[in-house]
Amino acid sequence: MPSADRYRLMGHIYEVLARLYSGFQIPKCKEAMTSRLEPDDGVLFAGVGHGREAKKAAEMGARVTVVDLSETMLEKCRSNLDGCSLRHPVRHIHDDIFHLSPENHQYDYVFANFFLNVFKREQMERVVRHLAELTRPGGHLVVGDFAFPDGNVFARAFKHLYWYIAVSLFVLFTRNAFHDIYNYPEYLKKYGLQIAEIKYFKVLGIKLYWSVLARKPVEG
């Protein structure tokens, strides 16, 4: 059974906060790789949140499944889909992502937008491995999130400060894990995926967000 909804309060203002804090770059980051989708692609959004990128994918004709442990977030996602005329109905799953078995669920695209950062490092790695297993051979796993710090010492310091302000807020109100910024391409490659593309999104001219597209090789 799903655990208590840690986003019961934060879930209502999550999208507004994300837009304002990022100068509207987080929505762009989340939707960055949806342009690659084709009608009838099987697409999973893990930790879907308000799900505007899932709506866009569904409007493009993809077969969309959304998963979130927060009923509040799923309700927001359903609300965003109200009145849409879709080629395929969106499947909503209120459950832990680990309860989706790779034997029964594999997708052309798996999106993990601002989802992996809620976990401690060890758990995050387990989730990345599981999402890779849910991606079919030849398919893609997409991670949109805070970009790993690079650039000169001042740019790196700003990125760290910017991240720690955000993570501290969510630690306080949702009990998310407190940790450094993760270097997602490193973990995607660790679990057998190939980095195909990275798109960056800037605030004040600094690359603060990235959308990382990784391909799962075809076996054999």
N, C-alpha and C. Protein backbone atom coordinates (compact mmCIF):
# COMPACT_ATOMS: atom_id res chain seq x y z
N MET A 1 0.84 -1.20 0.00
CA MET A 1 0.00 0.00 0.00
C MET A 1 0.88 1.25 0.00
N PRO A 2 0.45 2.31 -0.74
CA PRO A 2 1.22 3.55 -0.72
C PRO A 2 1.32 4.12 0.68
N SER A 3 2.45 4.74 0.98
CA SER A 3 2.67 5.33 2.28
C SER A 3 1.98 6.68 2.36
N ALA A 4 2.10 7.33 3.52
CA ALA A 4 1.49 8.64 3.72
C ALA A 4 1.98 9.63 2.66
N ASP A 5 1.10 10.51 2.23
CA ASP A 5 1.40 11.46 1.16
C ASP A 5 2.25 12.61 1.69
N ARG A 6 3.55 12.57 1.40
CA ARG A 6 4.46 13.60 1.89
C ARG A 6 4.30 14.91 1.13
N TYR A 7 3.60 14.88 0.01
CA TYR A 7 3.37 16.09 -0.78
C TYR A 7 1.94 16.60 -0.62
N ARG A 8 1.29 16.23 0.46
CA ARG A 8 -0.11 16.63 0.67
C ARG A 8 -0.26 18.15 0.70
N LEU A 9 0.74 18.84 1.27
CA LEU A 9 0.72 20.30 1.31
C LEU A 9 1.53 20.90 0.16
N MET A 10 2.77 20.47 0.01
CA MET A 10 3.65 21.02 -1.01
C MET A 10 3.13 20.76 -2.42
N GLY A 11 2.41 19.66 -2.60
CA GLY A 11 1.92 19.30 -3.93
C GLY A 11 1.05 20.36 -4.58
N HIS A 12 0.33 21.14 -3.77
CA HIS A 12 -0.58 22.14 -4.32
C HIS A 12 0.16 23.35 -4.90
N ILE A 13 1.35 23.63 -4.39
CA ILE A 13 2.09 24.80 -4.85
C ILE A 13 3.38 24.43 -5.57
N TYR A 14 3.60 23.13 -5.75
CA TYR A 14 4.85 22.64 -6.32
C TYR A 14 5.17 23.28 -7.67
N GLU A 15 4.20 23.28 -8.56
CA GLU A 15 4.47 23.76 -9.92
C GLU A 15 4.73 25.27 -9.94
N VAL A 16 3.99 26.01 -9.15
CA VAL A 16 4.20 27.46 -9.08
C VAL A 16 5.59 27.76 -8.54
N LEU A 17 5.99 27.06 -7.47
CA LEU A 17 7.32 27.25 -6.90
C LEU A 17 8.41 26.93 -7.93
N ALA A 18 8.23 25.82 -8.64
CA ALA A 18 9.23 25.40 -9.62
C ALA A 18 9.39 26.43 -10.72
N ARG A 19 8.28 26.95 -11.20
CA ARG A 19 8.33 27.95 -12.27
C ARG A 19 9.03 29.22 -11.81
N LEU A 20 8.65 29.70 -10.63
CA LEU A 20 9.21 30.95 -10.13
C LEU A 20 10.69 30.80 -9.78
N TYR A 21 11.04 29.71 -9.09
CA TYR A 21 12.42 29.52 -8.65
C TYR A 21 13.37 29.36 -9.83
N SER A 22 12.88 28.76 -10.90
CA SER A 22 13.74 28.46 -12.04
C SER A 22 13.61 29.47 -13.17
N GLY A 23 12.83 30.52 -12.97
CA GLY A 23 12.61 31.44 -14.08
C GLY A 23 11.97 30.75 -15.27
N PHE A 24 11.06 29.81 -14.98
CA PHE A 24 10.30 29.03 -15.97
C PHE A 24 11.18 28.06 -16.77
N GLN A 25 12.36 27.73 -16.26
CA GLN A 25 13.25 26.78 -16.94
C GLN A 25 12.92 25.33 -16.61
N ILE A 26 12.38 25.07 -15.42
CA ILE A 26 12.05 23.68 -15.07
C ILE A 26 11.00 23.11 -16.02
N PRO A 27 9.91 23.82 -16.32
CA PRO A 27 8.97 23.25 -17.31
C PRO A 27 9.62 22.96 -18.66
N LYS A 28 10.51 23.84 -19.11
CA LYS A 28 11.21 23.60 -20.37
C LYS A 28 12.09 22.37 -20.29
N CYS A 29 12.75 22.21 -19.14
CA CYS A 29 13.61 21.05 -18.94
C CYS A 29 12.80 19.76 -18.97
N LYS A 30 11.65 19.77 -18.31
CA LYS A 30 10.81 18.58 -18.24
C LYS A 30 10.29 18.16 -19.62
N GLU A 31 10.02 19.13 -20.47
CA GLU A 31 9.42 18.83 -21.78
C GLU A 31 10.46 18.67 -22.89
N ALA A 32 11.73 18.87 -22.55
CA ALA A 32 12.77 18.97 -23.58
C ALA A 32 12.81 17.77 -24.52
N MET A 33 12.70 16.57 -23.99
CA MET A 33 12.87 15.37 -24.82
C MET A 33 11.56 14.80 -25.33
N THR A 34 10.42 15.42 -24.99
CA THR A 34 9.15 14.90 -25.50
C THR A 34 9.03 15.09 -27.00
N SER A 35 9.82 15.99 -27.57
CA SER A 35 9.77 16.21 -29.03
C SER A 35 10.20 14.97 -29.80
N ARG A 36 10.88 14.04 -29.15
CA ARG A 36 11.34 12.82 -29.80
C ARG A 36 10.25 11.75 -29.91
N LEU A 37 9.17 11.93 -29.19
CA LEU A 37 8.15 10.89 -29.12
C LEU A 37 7.40 10.74 -30.43
N GLU A 38 7.00 9.50 -30.70
CA GLU A 38 6.18 9.17 -31.86
C GLU A 38 4.83 8.64 -31.38
N PRO A 39 3.77 8.80 -32.21
CA PRO A 39 2.48 8.22 -31.85
C PRO A 39 2.62 6.72 -31.54
N ASP A 40 1.94 6.30 -30.49
CA ASP A 40 1.90 4.90 -30.04
C ASP A 40 3.15 4.46 -29.28
N ASP A 41 4.13 5.33 -29.09
CA ASP A 41 5.25 4.99 -28.21
C ASP A 41 4.70 4.73 -26.80
N GLY A 42 5.27 3.71 -26.16
CA GLY A 42 4.95 3.46 -24.76
C GLY A 42 5.84 4.31 -23.87
N VAL A 43 5.24 5.16 -23.05
CA VAL A 43 6.00 6.14 -22.28
C VAL A 43 5.60 6.07 -20.81
N LEU A 44 6.60 6.02 -19.95
CA LEU A 44 6.38 6.02 -18.50
C LEU A 44 6.94 7.31 -17.91
N PHE A 45 6.15 7.96 -17.06
CA PHE A 45 6.61 9.11 -16.29
C PHE A 45 6.65 8.70 -14.82
N ALA A 46 7.86 8.56 -14.29
CA ALA A 46 8.05 8.14 -12.90
C ALA A 46 8.10 9.38 -12.01
N GLY A 47 7.29 9.38 -10.94
CA GLY A 47 7.20 10.56 -10.11
C GLY A 47 6.67 11.72 -10.93
N VAL A 48 5.49 11.55 -11.50
CA VAL A 48 4.99 12.45 -12.55
C VAL A 48 4.70 13.86 -12.06
N GLY A 49 4.41 14.04 -10.78
CA GLY A 49 4.06 15.37 -10.32
C GLY A 49 2.80 15.88 -10.98
N HIS A 50 2.78 17.16 -11.37
CA HIS A 50 1.58 17.74 -12.00
C HIS A 50 1.39 17.25 -13.43
N GLY A 51 2.43 16.73 -14.04
CA GLY A 51 2.30 15.97 -15.28
C GLY A 51 2.02 16.74 -16.55
N ARG A 52 2.48 18.00 -16.64
CA ARG A 52 2.23 18.72 -17.89
C ARG A 52 3.01 18.13 -19.06
N GLU A 53 4.19 17.56 -18.78
CA GLU A 53 4.93 16.91 -19.86
C GLU A 53 4.27 15.59 -20.26
N ALA A 54 3.60 14.93 -19.30
CA ALA A 54 2.85 13.72 -19.61
C ALA A 54 1.65 14.06 -20.49
N LYS A 55 1.02 15.17 -20.20
CA LYS A 55 -0.10 15.64 -21.03
C LYS A 55 0.38 15.89 -22.46
N LYS A 56 1.52 16.55 -22.60
CA LYS A 56 2.05 16.83 -23.93
C LYS A 56 2.33 15.53 -24.69
N ALA A 57 2.92 14.55 -23.99
CA ALA A 57 3.19 13.26 -24.62
C ALA A 57 1.90 12.57 -25.06
N ALA A 58 0.87 12.62 -24.21
CA ALA A 58 -0.40 11.99 -24.54
C ALA A 58 -1.06 12.69 -25.73
N GLU A 59 -0.95 14.01 -25.78
CA GLU A 59 -1.53 14.75 -26.90
C GLU A 59 -0.81 14.45 -28.21
N MET A 60 0.43 13.98 -28.11
CA MET A 60 1.19 13.60 -29.31
C MET A 60 0.83 12.18 -29.77
N GLY A 61 -0.02 11.49 -29.01
CA GLY A 61 -0.47 10.16 -29.41
C GLY A 61 0.26 9.02 -28.74
N ALA A 62 1.13 9.34 -27.77
CA ALA A 62 1.85 8.28 -27.06
C ALA A 62 0.93 7.55 -26.09
N ARG A 63 1.29 6.33 -25.78
CA ARG A 63 0.57 5.52 -24.78
C ARG A 63 1.26 5.78 -23.43
N VAL A 64 0.65 6.63 -22.64
CA VAL A 64 1.31 7.19 -21.45
C VAL A 64 0.84 6.50 -20.18
N THR A 65 1.81 6.14 -19.35
CA THR A 65 1.57 5.66 -17.99
C THR A 65 2.27 6.61 -17.04
N VAL A 66 1.56 7.02 -15.99
CA VAL A 66 2.17 7.89 -14.97
C VAL A 66 2.11 7.19 -13.62
N VAL A 67 3.19 7.35 -12.87
CA VAL A 67 3.30 6.72 -11.55
C VAL A 67 3.72 7.77 -10.54
N ASP A 68 3.05 7.79 -9.40
CA ASP A 68 3.47 8.68 -8.32
C ASP A 68 2.99 8.10 -7.01
N LEU A 69 3.81 8.26 -5.98
CA LEU A 69 3.45 7.80 -4.65
C LEU A 69 2.54 8.80 -3.94
N SER A 70 2.44 10.01 -4.49
CA SER A 70 1.61 11.06 -3.91
C SER A 70 0.26 11.14 -4.62
N GLU A 71 -0.79 10.90 -3.89
CA GLU A 71 -2.13 11.02 -4.46
C GLU A 71 -2.42 12.48 -4.82
N THR A 72 -1.87 13.40 -4.05
CA THR A 72 -2.04 14.82 -4.37
C THR A 72 -1.49 15.13 -5.75
N MET A 73 -0.29 14.64 -6.03
CA MET A 73 0.32 14.88 -7.34
C MET A 73 -0.49 14.22 -8.46
N LEU A 74 -0.96 13.00 -8.22
CA LEU A 74 -1.76 12.34 -9.25
C LEU A 74 -3.06 13.08 -9.53
N GLU A 75 -3.66 13.65 -8.50
CA GLU A 75 -4.88 14.44 -8.69
C GLU A 75 -4.60 15.67 -9.54
N LYS A 76 -3.45 16.31 -9.30
CA LYS A 76 -3.06 17.46 -10.11
C LYS A 76 -2.86 17.03 -11.56
N CYS A 77 -2.25 15.87 -11.76
CA CYS A 77 -2.04 15.35 -13.10
C CYS A 77 -3.37 15.07 -13.79
N ARG A 78 -4.29 14.44 -13.08
CA ARG A 78 -5.62 14.17 -13.65
C ARG A 78 -6.32 15.47 -14.03
N SER A 79 -6.19 16.47 -13.18
CA SER A 79 -6.84 17.76 -13.46
C SER A 79 -6.29 18.39 -14.74
N ASN A 80 -4.99 18.26 -14.94
CA ASN A 80 -4.38 18.81 -16.15
C ASN A 80 -4.83 18.10 -17.41
N LEU A 81 -5.31 16.88 -17.26
CA LEU A 81 -5.76 16.10 -18.41
C LEU A 81 -7.25 16.23 -18.68
N ASP A 82 -7.96 16.86 -17.76
CA ASP A 82 -9.41 17.00 -17.93
C ASP A 82 -9.74 17.72 -19.24
N GLY A 83 -10.66 17.11 -19.98
CA GLY A 83 -11.12 17.73 -21.22
C GLY A 83 -10.26 17.47 -22.43
N CYS A 84 -9.15 16.76 -22.25
CA CYS A 84 -8.27 16.47 -23.39
C CYS A 84 -8.84 15.33 -24.24
N SER A 85 -8.74 15.49 -25.53
CA SER A 85 -9.12 14.42 -26.47
C SER A 85 -7.84 13.69 -26.87
N LEU A 86 -7.70 12.46 -26.38
CA LEU A 86 -6.44 11.73 -26.54
C LEU A 86 -6.61 10.47 -27.37
N ARG A 87 -5.56 10.12 -28.07
CA ARG A 87 -5.55 8.89 -28.86
C ARG A 87 -5.59 7.67 -27.95
N HIS A 88 -4.89 7.75 -26.81
CA HIS A 88 -4.87 6.67 -25.83
C HIS A 88 -5.14 7.26 -24.45
N PRO A 89 -5.96 6.63 -23.64
CA PRO A 89 -6.16 7.14 -22.28
C PRO A 89 -4.88 7.01 -21.46
N VAL A 90 -4.66 7.96 -20.58
CA VAL A 90 -3.49 7.92 -19.71
C VAL A 90 -3.76 6.99 -18.53
N ARG A 91 -2.82 6.11 -18.27
CA ARG A 91 -2.95 5.18 -17.15
C ARG A 91 -2.27 5.78 -15.92
N HIS A 92 -3.02 5.92 -14.82
CA HIS A 92 -2.49 6.48 -13.58
C HIS A 92 -2.26 5.36 -12.57
N ILE A 93 -1.06 5.32 -12.00
CA ILE A 93 -0.73 4.30 -11.00
C ILE A 93 -0.28 4.99 -9.72
N HIS A 94 -1.01 4.76 -8.65
CA HIS A 94 -0.66 5.31 -7.33
C HIS A 94 0.08 4.22 -6.57
N ASP A 95 1.41 4.23 -6.71
CA ASP A 95 2.18 3.14 -6.12
C ASP A 95 3.67 3.48 -6.14
N ASP A 96 4.43 2.63 -5.49
CA ASP A 96 5.89 2.71 -5.49
C ASP A 96 6.40 2.24 -6.85
N ILE A 97 7.38 2.95 -7.41
CA ILE A 97 7.91 2.59 -8.72
C ILE A 97 8.47 1.17 -8.75
N PHE A 98 8.96 0.67 -7.61
CA PHE A 98 9.53 -0.67 -7.57
C PHE A 98 8.47 -1.76 -7.74
N HIS A 99 7.20 -1.40 -7.62
CA HIS A 99 6.14 -2.38 -7.80
C HIS A 99 5.79 -2.60 -9.27
N LEU A 100 6.42 -1.84 -10.17
CA LEU A 100 6.29 -2.11 -11.59
C LEU A 100 7.38 -3.10 -11.98
N SER A 101 6.97 -4.25 -12.42
CA SER A 101 7.93 -5.31 -12.75
C SER A 101 8.40 -5.20 -14.19
N PRO A 102 9.71 -5.29 -14.43
CA PRO A 102 10.22 -5.26 -15.81
C PRO A 102 9.69 -6.41 -16.66
N GLU A 103 9.30 -7.50 -16.01
CA GLU A 103 8.75 -8.63 -16.76
C GLU A 103 7.40 -8.28 -17.40
N ASN A 104 6.68 -7.34 -16.77
CA ASN A 104 5.35 -6.98 -17.26
C ASN A 104 5.26 -5.56 -17.81
N HIS A 105 6.28 -4.76 -17.57
CA HIS A 105 6.25 -3.36 -17.99
C HIS A 105 7.61 -2.98 -18.60
N GLN A 106 7.60 -2.68 -19.89
CA GLN A 106 8.78 -2.10 -20.54
C GLN A 106 8.30 -1.04 -21.51
N TYR A 107 9.08 0.05 -21.60
CA TYR A 107 8.62 1.24 -22.30
C TYR A 107 9.66 1.72 -23.30
N ASP A 108 9.17 2.41 -24.33
CA ASP A 108 10.06 3.03 -25.31
C ASP A 108 10.81 4.20 -24.69
N TYR A 109 10.12 4.94 -23.83
CA TYR A 109 10.73 6.07 -23.12
C TYR A 109 10.31 6.03 -21.66
N VAL A 110 11.27 6.22 -20.79
CA VAL A 110 11.02 6.37 -19.36
C VAL A 110 11.55 7.74 -18.94
N PHE A 111 10.68 8.55 -18.37
CA PHE A 111 11.06 9.89 -17.92
C PHE A 111 11.14 9.92 -16.40
N ALA A 112 12.23 10.47 -15.89
CA ALA A 112 12.41 10.68 -14.45
C ALA A 112 12.80 12.14 -14.25
N ASN A 113 11.80 13.01 -14.29
CA ASN A 113 12.04 14.44 -14.19
C ASN A 113 11.92 14.92 -12.74
N PHE A 114 13.02 15.43 -12.19
CA PHE A 114 13.04 15.95 -10.82
C PHE A 114 12.44 14.93 -9.84
N PHE A 115 12.78 13.69 -10.08
CA PHE A 115 12.30 12.55 -9.28
C PHE A 115 13.44 11.91 -8.50
N LEU A 116 14.57 11.72 -9.16
CA LEU A 116 15.69 11.02 -8.51
C LEU A 116 16.28 11.84 -7.38
N ASN A 117 16.10 13.15 -7.41
CA ASN A 117 16.73 13.97 -6.37
C ASN A 117 16.04 13.89 -5.01
N VAL A 118 14.94 13.15 -4.91
CA VAL A 118 14.29 13.01 -3.60
C VAL A 118 14.95 11.92 -2.75
N PHE A 119 15.86 11.14 -3.35
CA PHE A 119 16.41 9.97 -2.69
C PHE A 119 17.85 10.18 -2.21
N LYS A 120 18.21 9.46 -1.16
CA LYS A 120 19.62 9.34 -0.79
C LYS A 120 20.35 8.59 -1.89
N ARG A 121 21.67 8.75 -1.94
CA ARG A 121 22.45 8.23 -3.06
C ARG A 121 22.23 6.73 -3.30
N GLU A 122 22.28 5.93 -2.27
CA GLU A 122 22.14 4.48 -2.45
C GLU A 122 20.78 4.14 -3.04
N GLN A 123 19.71 4.77 -2.52
CA GLN A 123 18.37 4.52 -3.04
C GLN A 123 18.23 5.06 -4.46
N MET A 124 18.83 6.21 -4.73
CA MET A 124 18.78 6.78 -6.07
C MET A 124 19.38 5.82 -7.08
N GLU A 125 20.49 5.21 -6.73
CA GLU A 125 21.12 4.25 -7.65
C GLU A 125 20.20 3.05 -7.91
N ARG A 126 19.54 2.59 -6.87
CA ARG A 126 18.59 1.48 -7.04
C ARG A 126 17.46 1.87 -7.99
N VAL A 127 16.98 3.11 -7.87
CA VAL A 127 15.90 3.57 -8.73
C VAL A 127 16.38 3.68 -10.18
N VAL A 128 17.58 4.23 -10.39
CA VAL A 128 18.13 4.33 -11.74
C VAL A 128 18.23 2.94 -12.37
N ARG A 129 18.74 1.98 -11.63
CA ARG A 129 18.87 0.62 -12.14
C ARG A 129 17.49 0.05 -12.51
N HIS A 130 16.50 0.30 -11.65
CA HIS A 130 15.16 -0.21 -11.91
C HIS A 130 14.54 0.47 -13.14
N LEU A 131 14.71 1.77 -13.26
CA LEU A 131 14.18 2.48 -14.43
C LEU A 131 14.84 1.99 -15.71
N ALA A 132 16.13 1.67 -15.63
CA ALA A 132 16.82 1.11 -16.79
C ALA A 132 16.22 -0.24 -17.18
N GLU A 133 15.83 -1.02 -16.19
CA GLU A 133 15.20 -2.31 -16.45
C GLU A 133 13.81 -2.14 -17.06
N LEU A 134 13.14 -1.04 -16.74
CA LEU A 134 11.81 -0.77 -17.29
C LEU A 134 11.88 -0.20 -18.71
N THR A 135 13.08 0.13 -19.17
CA THR A 135 13.29 0.66 -20.51
C THR A 135 13.59 -0.50 -21.46
N ARG A 136 12.86 -0.59 -22.54
CA ARG A 136 13.09 -1.70 -23.46
C ARG A 136 14.43 -1.53 -24.18
N PRO A 137 15.06 -2.62 -24.63
CA PRO A 137 16.27 -2.49 -25.43
C PRO A 137 16.02 -1.62 -26.66
N GLY A 138 16.88 -0.65 -26.87
CA GLY A 138 16.68 0.30 -27.95
C GLY A 138 15.88 1.52 -27.54
N GLY A 139 15.31 1.48 -26.34
CA GLY A 139 14.54 2.59 -25.82
C GLY A 139 15.40 3.60 -25.09
N HIS A 140 14.76 4.58 -24.48
CA HIS A 140 15.49 5.69 -23.87
C HIS A 140 14.98 6.00 -22.46
N LEU A 141 15.93 6.36 -21.61
CA LEU A 141 15.64 6.84 -20.26
C LEU A 141 16.05 8.31 -20.22
N VAL A 142 15.15 9.17 -19.75
CA VAL A 142 15.37 10.61 -19.70
C VAL A 142 15.39 11.07 -18.25
N VAL A 143 16.41 11.82 -17.87
CA VAL A 143 16.48 12.40 -16.54
C VAL A 143 16.59 13.91 -16.67
N GLY A 144 15.59 14.62 -16.18
CA GLY A 144 15.65 16.08 -16.12
C GLY A 144 15.82 16.50 -14.67
N ASP A 145 16.80 17.38 -14.40
CA ASP A 145 17.07 17.71 -13.00
C ASP A 145 18.07 18.87 -12.92
N PHE A 146 18.50 19.17 -11.69
CA PHE A 146 19.57 20.15 -11.48
C PHE A 146 20.85 19.61 -12.11
N ALA A 147 21.55 20.47 -12.84
CA ALA A 147 22.77 20.06 -13.52
C ALA A 147 23.94 19.97 -12.55
N PHE A 148 24.82 19.00 -12.80
CA PHE A 148 26.01 18.83 -11.97
C PHE A 148 26.90 20.06 -12.14
N PRO A 149 27.42 20.62 -11.05
CA PRO A 149 28.19 21.87 -11.13
C PRO A 149 29.44 21.75 -12.00
N ASP A 150 29.62 22.75 -12.88
CA ASP A 150 30.84 22.86 -13.67
C ASP A 150 31.16 24.34 -13.84
N GLY A 151 32.12 24.67 -14.66
CA GLY A 151 32.49 26.06 -14.86
C GLY A 151 33.54 26.52 -13.86
N ASN A 152 33.69 27.84 -13.74
CA ASN A 152 34.70 28.38 -12.83
C ASN A 152 34.23 28.27 -11.38
N VAL A 153 35.08 28.68 -10.47
CA VAL A 153 34.79 28.50 -9.05
C VAL A 153 33.54 29.27 -8.62
N PHE A 154 33.29 30.43 -9.24
CA PHE A 154 32.12 31.22 -8.88
C PHE A 154 30.84 30.57 -9.39
N ALA A 155 30.88 30.04 -10.62
CA ALA A 155 29.72 29.36 -11.18
C ALA A 155 29.37 28.11 -10.36
N ARG A 156 30.40 27.35 -9.97
CA ARG A 156 30.16 26.14 -9.18
C ARG A 156 29.58 26.50 -7.81
N ALA A 157 30.11 27.56 -7.20
CA ALA A 157 29.61 27.98 -5.89
C ALA A 157 28.15 28.41 -5.98
N PHE A 158 27.81 29.15 -7.03
CA PHE A 158 26.43 29.59 -7.22
C PHE A 158 25.50 28.39 -7.40
N LYS A 159 25.94 27.41 -8.21
CA LYS A 159 25.12 26.22 -8.45
C LYS A 159 24.87 25.44 -7.16
N HIS A 160 25.91 25.32 -6.34
CA HIS A 160 25.75 24.62 -5.07
C HIS A 160 24.78 25.37 -4.17
N LEU A 161 24.93 26.68 -4.06
CA LEU A 161 24.04 27.47 -3.21
C LEU A 161 22.60 27.38 -3.71
N TYR A 162 22.42 27.51 -5.01
CA TYR A 162 21.09 27.44 -5.63
C TYR A 162 20.42 26.09 -5.33
N TRP A 163 21.21 25.02 -5.43
CA TRP A 163 20.69 23.68 -5.13
C TRP A 163 20.34 23.53 -3.66
N TYR A 164 21.21 23.94 -2.77
CA TYR A 164 20.99 23.71 -1.35
C TYR A 164 19.80 24.51 -0.81
N ILE A 165 19.51 25.65 -1.40
CA ILE A 165 18.29 26.38 -1.02
C ILE A 165 17.07 25.54 -1.36
N ALA A 166 17.05 24.99 -2.57
CA ALA A 166 15.91 24.19 -3.02
C ALA A 166 15.76 22.91 -2.22
N VAL A 167 16.86 22.16 -2.06
CA VAL A 167 16.77 20.88 -1.37
C VAL A 167 16.40 21.07 0.10
N SER A 168 16.86 22.15 0.71
CA SER A 168 16.54 22.40 2.11
C SER A 168 15.04 22.63 2.30
N LEU A 169 14.43 23.33 1.36
CA LEU A 169 12.98 23.57 1.44
C LEU A 169 12.21 22.25 1.41
N PHE A 170 12.64 21.35 0.53
CA PHE A 170 11.91 20.08 0.40
C PHE A 170 12.23 19.11 1.53
N VAL A 171 13.42 19.20 2.09
CA VAL A 171 13.73 18.42 3.28
C VAL A 171 12.79 18.84 4.41
N LEU A 172 12.58 20.14 4.53
CA LEU A 172 11.75 20.68 5.60
C LEU A 172 10.29 20.29 5.45
N PHE A 173 9.75 20.40 4.23
CA PHE A 173 8.31 20.23 4.05
C PHE A 173 7.88 18.86 3.54
N THR A 174 8.79 18.07 2.96
CA THR A 174 8.41 16.76 2.43
C THR A 174 9.28 15.62 2.95
N ARG A 175 10.30 15.95 3.74
CA ARG A 175 11.24 14.96 4.28
C ARG A 175 12.02 14.25 3.19
N ASN A 176 12.26 14.93 2.07
CA ASN A 176 13.15 14.39 1.06
C ASN A 176 14.57 14.30 1.61
N ALA A 177 15.41 13.52 0.95
CA ALA A 177 16.79 13.34 1.40
C ALA A 177 17.60 14.61 1.15
N PHE A 178 18.54 14.87 2.06
CA PHE A 178 19.49 15.99 1.90
C PHE A 178 20.80 15.42 1.37
N HIS A 179 21.26 15.92 0.23
CA HIS A 179 22.45 15.35 -0.41
C HIS A 179 23.04 16.36 -1.38
N ASP A 180 24.23 16.04 -1.90
CA ASP A 180 24.85 16.86 -2.94
C ASP A 180 24.12 16.67 -4.27
N ILE A 181 24.50 17.47 -5.26
CA ILE A 181 23.93 17.32 -6.59
C ILE A 181 24.48 16.06 -7.24
N TYR A 182 23.61 15.26 -7.82
CA TYR A 182 24.03 14.00 -8.44
C TYR A 182 24.49 14.24 -9.89
N ASN A 183 25.52 13.49 -10.27
CA ASN A 183 26.01 13.51 -11.65
C ASN A 183 25.33 12.36 -12.41
N TYR A 184 24.13 12.62 -12.91
CA TYR A 184 23.30 11.54 -13.45
C TYR A 184 23.91 10.78 -14.62
N PRO A 185 24.59 11.42 -15.58
CA PRO A 185 25.20 10.63 -16.66
C PRO A 185 26.12 9.53 -16.14
N GLU A 186 26.81 9.81 -15.05
CA GLU A 186 27.71 8.81 -14.45
C GLU A 186 26.94 7.56 -14.04
N TYR A 187 25.77 7.74 -13.44
CA TYR A 187 24.99 6.59 -12.97
C TYR A 187 24.26 5.90 -14.12
N LEU A 188 23.82 6.67 -15.09
CA LEU A 188 23.17 6.06 -16.25
C LEU A 188 24.14 5.14 -16.98
N LYS A 189 25.37 5.61 -17.16
CA LYS A 189 26.39 4.77 -17.81
C LYS A 189 26.75 3.57 -16.96
N LYS A 190 26.73 3.74 -15.66
CA LYS A 190 27.05 2.63 -14.75
C LYS A 190 26.10 1.45 -14.95
N TYR A 191 24.85 1.75 -15.29
CA TYR A 191 23.86 0.69 -15.46
C TYR A 191 23.58 0.39 -16.93
N GLY A 192 24.60 0.60 -17.76
CA GLY A 192 24.59 0.07 -19.12
C GLY A 192 23.96 0.96 -20.17
N LEU A 193 23.62 2.21 -19.84
CA LEU A 193 23.00 3.10 -20.80
C LEU A 193 24.05 3.99 -21.47
N GLN A 194 23.74 4.44 -22.67
CA GLN A 194 24.63 5.29 -23.44
C GLN A 194 24.06 6.69 -23.52
N ILE A 195 24.85 7.70 -23.17
CA ILE A 195 24.37 9.07 -23.21
C ILE A 195 24.24 9.50 -24.67
N ALA A 196 23.02 9.86 -25.06
CA ALA A 196 22.76 10.22 -26.46
C ALA A 196 22.70 11.73 -26.66
N GLU A 197 22.23 12.46 -25.64
CA GLU A 197 22.09 13.91 -25.79
C GLU A 197 21.90 14.54 -24.41
N ILE A 198 22.40 15.75 -24.25
CA ILE A 198 22.17 16.53 -23.04
C ILE A 198 21.78 17.94 -23.45
N LYS A 199 20.65 18.41 -22.93
CA LYS A 199 20.21 19.79 -23.16
C LYS A 199 20.30 20.55 -21.83
N TYR A 200 20.84 21.77 -21.90
CA TYR A 200 21.00 22.59 -20.70
C TYR A 200 20.00 23.75 -20.69
N PHE A 201 19.67 24.19 -19.48
CA PHE A 201 18.74 25.29 -19.31
C PHE A 201 19.33 26.27 -18.30
N LYS A 202 19.39 27.54 -18.70
CA LYS A 202 20.14 28.54 -17.94
C LYS A 202 19.24 29.47 -17.15
N VAL A 203 19.75 29.89 -16.00
CA VAL A 203 19.19 30.97 -15.22
C VAL A 203 20.32 31.96 -14.97
N LEU A 204 20.09 33.23 -15.30
CA LEU A 204 21.13 34.26 -15.17
C LEU A 204 22.40 33.89 -15.95
N GLY A 205 22.19 33.20 -17.08
CA GLY A 205 23.31 32.82 -17.93
C GLY A 205 24.10 31.62 -17.45
N ILE A 206 23.65 30.97 -16.37
CA ILE A 206 24.36 29.83 -15.80
C ILE A 206 23.55 28.56 -16.04
N LYS A 207 24.21 27.50 -16.49
CA LYS A 207 23.52 26.23 -16.77
C LYS A 207 23.16 25.55 -15.44
N LEU A 208 21.89 25.68 -15.06
CA LEU A 208 21.45 25.15 -13.76
C LEU A 208 20.63 23.87 -13.87
N TYR A 209 20.09 23.60 -15.05
CA TYR A 209 19.29 22.38 -15.23
C TYR A 209 19.74 21.67 -16.50
N TRP A 210 19.52 20.35 -16.51
CA TRP A 210 19.81 19.60 -17.72
C TRP A 210 18.77 18.49 -17.91
N SER A 211 18.57 18.16 -19.17
CA SER A 211 17.77 17.00 -19.53
C SER A 211 18.71 16.03 -20.24
N VAL A 212 18.88 14.87 -19.64
CA VAL A 212 19.83 13.87 -20.11
C VAL A 212 19.09 12.72 -20.77
N LEU A 213 19.37 12.50 -22.03
CA LEU A 213 18.76 11.40 -22.78
C LEU A 213 19.77 10.26 -22.87
N ALA A 214 19.39 9.08 -22.38
CA ALA A 214 20.28 7.91 -22.41
C ALA A 214 19.57 6.78 -23.14
N ARG A 215 20.33 6.09 -23.98
CA ARG A 215 19.78 4.99 -24.77
C ARG A 215 20.20 3.65 -24.18
N LYS A 216 19.25 2.71 -24.16
CA LYS A 216 19.55 1.36 -23.72
C LYS A 216 19.94 0.52 -24.94
N PRO A 217 21.14 0.00 -24.98
CA PRO A 217 21.57 -0.76 -26.16
C PRO A 217 20.68 -1.98 -26.42
N VAL A 218 20.59 -2.34 -27.67
CA VAL A 218 19.88 -3.56 -28.05
C VAL A 218 20.78 -4.74 -27.71
N GLU A 219 20.27 -5.70 -27.01
CA GLU A 219 21.07 -6.85 -26.59
C GLU A 219 21.46 -7.69 -27.78
N GLY A 220 22.69 -8.20 -27.73
CA GLY A 220 23.17 -9.07 -28.79
C GLY A 220 23.64 -8.32 -30.00
